[in-house]
């Protein structure tokens, strides 16, 4: 994973975008075993989620960074 960005909305929902070097690398990473400490932290975070989590692959993302 190269990085991530998240946004939280007034109703408590949120969106998180995670950036990978490639879709193949993302799929490869999904198959790796997660260290116990990180898994416990992820499980705790997931226990706070209300509703269903939706995953969307964006195959051709457009990233814009204004510069002057």
Protein backbone atom coordinates (compact mmCIF):
# COMPACT_ATOMS: atom_id res chain seq x y z
CA UNK A 1 0.00 0.00 0.00
CA UNK A 2 1.32 3.40 -0.98
CA UNK A 3 -1.05 5.40 1.18
CA UNK A 4 -4.63 6.21 2.02
CA UNK A 5 -7.03 9.09 2.49
CA UNK A 6 -10.34 9.12 4.33
CA UNK A 7 -13.32 11.41 4.72
CA UNK A 8 -15.94 11.35 7.47
CA UNK A 9 -19.46 12.65 6.90
CA UNK A 10 -21.91 14.36 9.25
CA UNK A 11 -24.01 11.20 9.57
CA UNK A 12 -21.01 9.25 10.92
CA UNK A 13 -20.31 7.32 7.73
CA UNK A 14 -16.95 7.51 6.04
CA UNK A 15 -15.06 6.75 2.86
CA UNK A 16 -11.50 5.47 2.79
CA UNK A 17 -9.42 5.24 -0.37
CA UNK A 18 -6.32 3.07 -0.30
CA UNK A 19 -3.67 3.36 -3.01
CA UNK A 20 -1.55 0.43 -4.19
CA UNK A 21 1.24 0.15 -6.73
CA UNK A 22 -1.03 -2.08 -8.84
CA UNK A 23 -4.22 -4.08 -8.59
CA UNK A 24 -2.15 -7.28 -8.73
CA UNK A 25 -0.11 -6.13 -5.71
CA UNK A 26 -3.32 -5.31 -3.84
CA UNK A 27 -4.73 -8.79 -4.51
CA UNK A 28 -1.41 -10.36 -3.46
CA UNK A 29 -1.44 -8.36 -0.22
CA UNK A 30 -4.99 -9.48 0.56
CA UNK A 31 -3.75 -13.08 0.71
CA UNK A 32 -0.96 -12.38 3.23
CA UNK A 33 -1.42 -13.31 6.86
CA UNK A 34 -1.98 -10.25 9.04
CA UNK A 35 0.21 -9.94 12.17
CA UNK A 36 -1.79 -10.67 15.34
CA UNK A 37 -1.49 -7.14 16.77
CA UNK A 38 -2.65 -5.50 13.55
CA UNK A 39 -5.49 -8.01 13.19
CA UNK A 40 -6.69 -7.19 16.71
CA UNK A 41 -6.65 -3.47 15.89
CA UNK A 42 -8.51 -4.04 12.61
CA UNK A 43 -11.08 -6.25 14.36
CA UNK A 44 -11.68 -3.54 16.95
CA UNK A 45 -12.09 -0.89 14.26
CA UNK A 46 -14.44 -3.14 12.26
CA UNK A 47 -16.58 -3.76 15.36
CA UNK A 48 -17.45 -0.04 15.35
CA UNK A 49 -18.71 -0.08 11.76
CA UNK A 50 -22.47 0.11 11.31
CA UNK A 51 -23.86 -1.39 8.12
CA UNK A 52 -22.14 -3.26 5.33
CA UNK A 53 -18.66 -2.44 4.10
CA UNK A 54 -18.43 -2.01 0.34
CA UNK A 55 -15.21 -2.46 -1.61
CA UNK A 56 -14.83 -0.84 -5.02
CA UNK A 57 -11.82 -1.26 -7.30
CA UNK A 58 -11.08 1.91 -9.27
CA UNK A 59 -9.04 0.76 -12.24
CA UNK A 60 -8.17 4.18 -13.67
CA UNK A 61 -8.10 6.70 -10.80
CA UNK A 62 -7.64 10.38 -11.50
CA UNK A 63 -5.63 12.16 -8.85
CA UNK A 64 -5.35 15.95 -8.92
CA UNK A 65 -3.02 18.04 -6.83
CA UNK A 66 -3.22 21.76 -7.48
CA UNK A 67 0.07 23.56 -7.55
CA UNK A 68 1.00 27.18 -8.01
